[in-house]
Structure formats: structure tokens, C-alpha cells
Amino acid sequence: MKSIYIKLSFLLLLFVSSCDKALEEEPQNKLKPQTISDYVELLNYGYPTTKDYGTIVALDYYVEMMTDDQDIRYLNVDRGEYPLHPYTFEDTHEHSSMFNGYDQAWKNLYKAIYYANVVVENVDEADGNAAAIAYTKGEAMVLRAFSYFKLVNLYAAPYNENTASSDLGVPLKLDPTVQSESYTRQSVQEIYDQINADLEMGIKLMTENDQRVTSKFKLTPISANLLASRVALYQKRYQDVITYADRTIGLNNSLFDISNNTMEFAMTRWGYGQGIHYFNDVNDNVIFKYGSNEMYYYVHIPGALAISDDLIDLYEPGDLRLYYFTYIKGSLGRVYFKFRPHPNRLGEPIRGFRVEEAFLNRAEAYAFLDQPSKALEDLNTIRKTKFDASYNVNPDYYKYATLTYDTKDKVIQVVRDERRRELFGEFHRWYDLRRYGMPEINHVYDNQTYTLTENDPRYILQIPQIELDYNPLMQRNQR
């Protein structure tokens, strides 16, 4: 079989600073996977997630600080000034006070792509069970699709069918060979074409050769279908959204049910440290987890980030989520509890895929296809598990009805509001705002208002400075 050389010099070439002296020299040891077990282990290193409870795999934490869900009422700059920089919409999200002093999402996601490329290119020649080989190849394709999907939605314009072929995307690298030339950016359309091709083939291979993987740190056919529904939603391919969401829900329709709690109990007894964390492994609705809890450093240590009054006001009487997801931290207001899992803090992933998203994706697709009854039915399925069942004498008080939401625009808006309530703090809102048309956002700090204007170019993050410095052909995003 082919010899496979995983050279750290490639990591330097694409996404690592030249000042990292440890990576400037050719490594003495080179990996040569032979069996399917070797490839499975190799692909594990490609997942952008913490490998132990003491490390941080920094990803896109800064985008959460730029949304309309955020408020800064107090900031101890001596303990952590970084949130102020993205919160005030500076021209770049990078600042010396962030983790390691530079953007690491670019590096970590391209690292995932590199390992995925190695597996896709070579796993067919591995020794081992044919079904396991095919499944692992499919898993690598889905991981590659996921990583490119994250990259193109961080550093490129949101998908627009009319401009995607000319909008700058990100560099597209599909083979693991080390090349000395600089990389340039392909179009947004080319990136999405590759994402969709990888998802289609990857899901097929994983489904037909399912290995019944139970780890929630690994992509599976269920989470792959949910990813595909999200990708289709971002491209406004609404029938495909429904198809992939149907598959997801058909494989797992579990929702996290807190409806047996009362509002009185929630408002008086819940607070710091209550309940089961929303991304706990015991929750059947959690189907994939990744990343780490870098937000803990910015939410709880400097006492910086609270949820906005606008978001708080969106929660309705009887809705338990406001009290389950947040707690009062003195003058700081309500802060995220989703970002404070116990007991691991920094080393616990706070990103992932939950079944609730499949219902929300499908509801939005139904809304845009002018099928309001189906859209509201999906919302009500979620809401039944999130509202105090005993709060009102009318057991259906939480339900939305077409009698009230009697136009397409009203249904679309209520779907978006429910999505915001359910998924806040899980790194959806920034990307949702981008695909909603990049509306104006106003943040206030120290009696000064900072504005991200409608269609502001800062809705597209700047390419990391390390990459711009190293690669002279890399095009900057406009400011």
C-alpha cells in the first residue's frame, strides 16, 4: 500500500505561525497507518475537540460575543479584556488578549481537513473489514464537509445563489500531499459544492456500512444527516432540509424534557449549578459534541458576558428554559449556564448537535414553503418539553396556532424566535443573523453605543493575520 507521511511541516504551511519553533523542523517520526484500526485512530486526531480535561481547542468563541444575545454590564479587564474587542465590532476579531494571541479556528479546522484528506485518500488500501473501511471513509468525508462548512461561514460571505460563484470562499485542499506554493481562495460556490458532494457520499457510506458507533465525540449517520439539514438550510434548499431532518428524527426523536419542573421551583430554587448540563452525555438528544469550553474563561472569570434584555424578553410565561439556561450573577445580570458544565469547566465541549435542531430546521423549511401547520407542529413538539406543564389550567397554553400566526411572514418570525430561545449560546445565532440578511446590531458599553450596520463587511471575519503574513497570495476580506 502507499506510504503515508503526515508531516508537521504541512501544518506549518497552511495554518501555523512560523514563530512556533517546534514545528519548523522536519519531524523524526512519520506515521504509516496500515490497518483500519490505524485509520480510525488517525481520524480521531482530526476532530476539533479537546483530548483531555486540561486543554482548550479554541474555535469560534468570539462570534458569540458579537450577537444581539450578548450584553457586557461589567468587565474586569485585569482578568480578561478580550470580550470587549469583538463586542465593540473592531475590524478584526483577533487581539493579543485572546487565547494564544491569535485566531485558532482556522488552524484547528484545517488540521481536521488534513487528517480527513489522509483517510479519504488512502483508507481503501487498509487491511481490515470492508464495511469498517467504507464507513471510516464516509466519516472522513463528513468531517471534511463539517470543517469546510465552519470555515466558509466564518471567513466568507453567507451563501447567496446569485453571488456565490464570485464571492471569495476559503482555500480548498482535498489531498494530503505537502506543496510549497501559496494557497488562494476558491469561491463560496466551489466550497459548498465540495461540502455537498462529501455529505452525499459520506452519508451513503456511513449508512450502508453503519458501525453502530456510540461515542458522542464521533460523527455518526444521525449527526451527519443533521449536518446536511443545516447546510441545506443555509443554502435555502428547503425540500432537502426536510429530507435530511426527517432522516435525523426518524433515527432519533429524543428531546430534552424539563416540563415536569414548575416555574415556581425554577425561579426560586434553580441557579448556579442546577440540573443536568444540556450537553451531558446521558442526554439522548445529544448526538455529537466537539470543541472545548473556552467560553468559561470569558463568561465567568472576568464577569463579562450576560444575556441581553432583548433575549430575556423573548421568553414567555411558563417557559422554563430561561431559568434552566441562565442564573443571576449580581449586577452582571443573567449569565449563561450552558457554558458552565460540571465538573470539568474548560475541558468540556459546549458545542454540538441536538435533535431539537432537526425540528427547528424542518420548521423553518416548512415556513418558507408556506406550510404553516407543519411548521408550528414542529415548534409545539419542542415547546411541550420546555414549558411548565402545570403552569396554566389550559394544558395546551404553550402551543402556537395558525389562527394567530396567519401569514407566512408571521410563521417565519415565530420559527426564528423559537430557534433563538432554544439554541442560544450554542454558536448558532451569529450564523443565523448572517443568513437572515445581516441586520444591524447595537451594543452598549460604558455608556457608548457600538454599531454593526446592516450588511456590514465585519459580518465576515478577517482572515487570520498569521495566514495573511505567511501567504502573500491570500486575499483579505474587505473592510
Foldseek 3Di string as FASTA:
>chain_A
DDFDFQWLVLLVQFPDFPPPVVRPDTDPDGDGAAALVSLVVLLLLLFQFFPDLPDFSDAPPLLLLCFQFKAWPAFDVVLADLSVCNNLLDQFSFACRPVVRWHRNSSSLVSSLLSLLSLLVPLCRHDDDPLSSLLSNLQSLLSNLVSQVRQQQAFWAQDDPVCQQPTWGAFDDRHNDRDDAFTETGGNVVSLVSSVVSLVSSLVSCVVSPPPDLDQAGDHNLVSLLVQLVSCLSNLVLVSNLVSLCVNCVVPVFDQFPQQDFPVCLVPPFAPPDDAAPQDSVRSQFRHFRGWLPVLSVCPRRVTIATDPVLVVLDDPQFSLQSVQWHQDPPSGTHGPNSPHPDSRGNGTSAGGGSLSSLLSNLLSCLVVVNLVSNQVSLQVRRLRGGHCPRDPPSSPSGDDCVVVVDSVSSNVVSVSSCCSPCRPRPDRLSVCSSVQQDKHWHDDPNDIRIQHGVRQSSRHWDMPSSVVSRVNYDTRDD
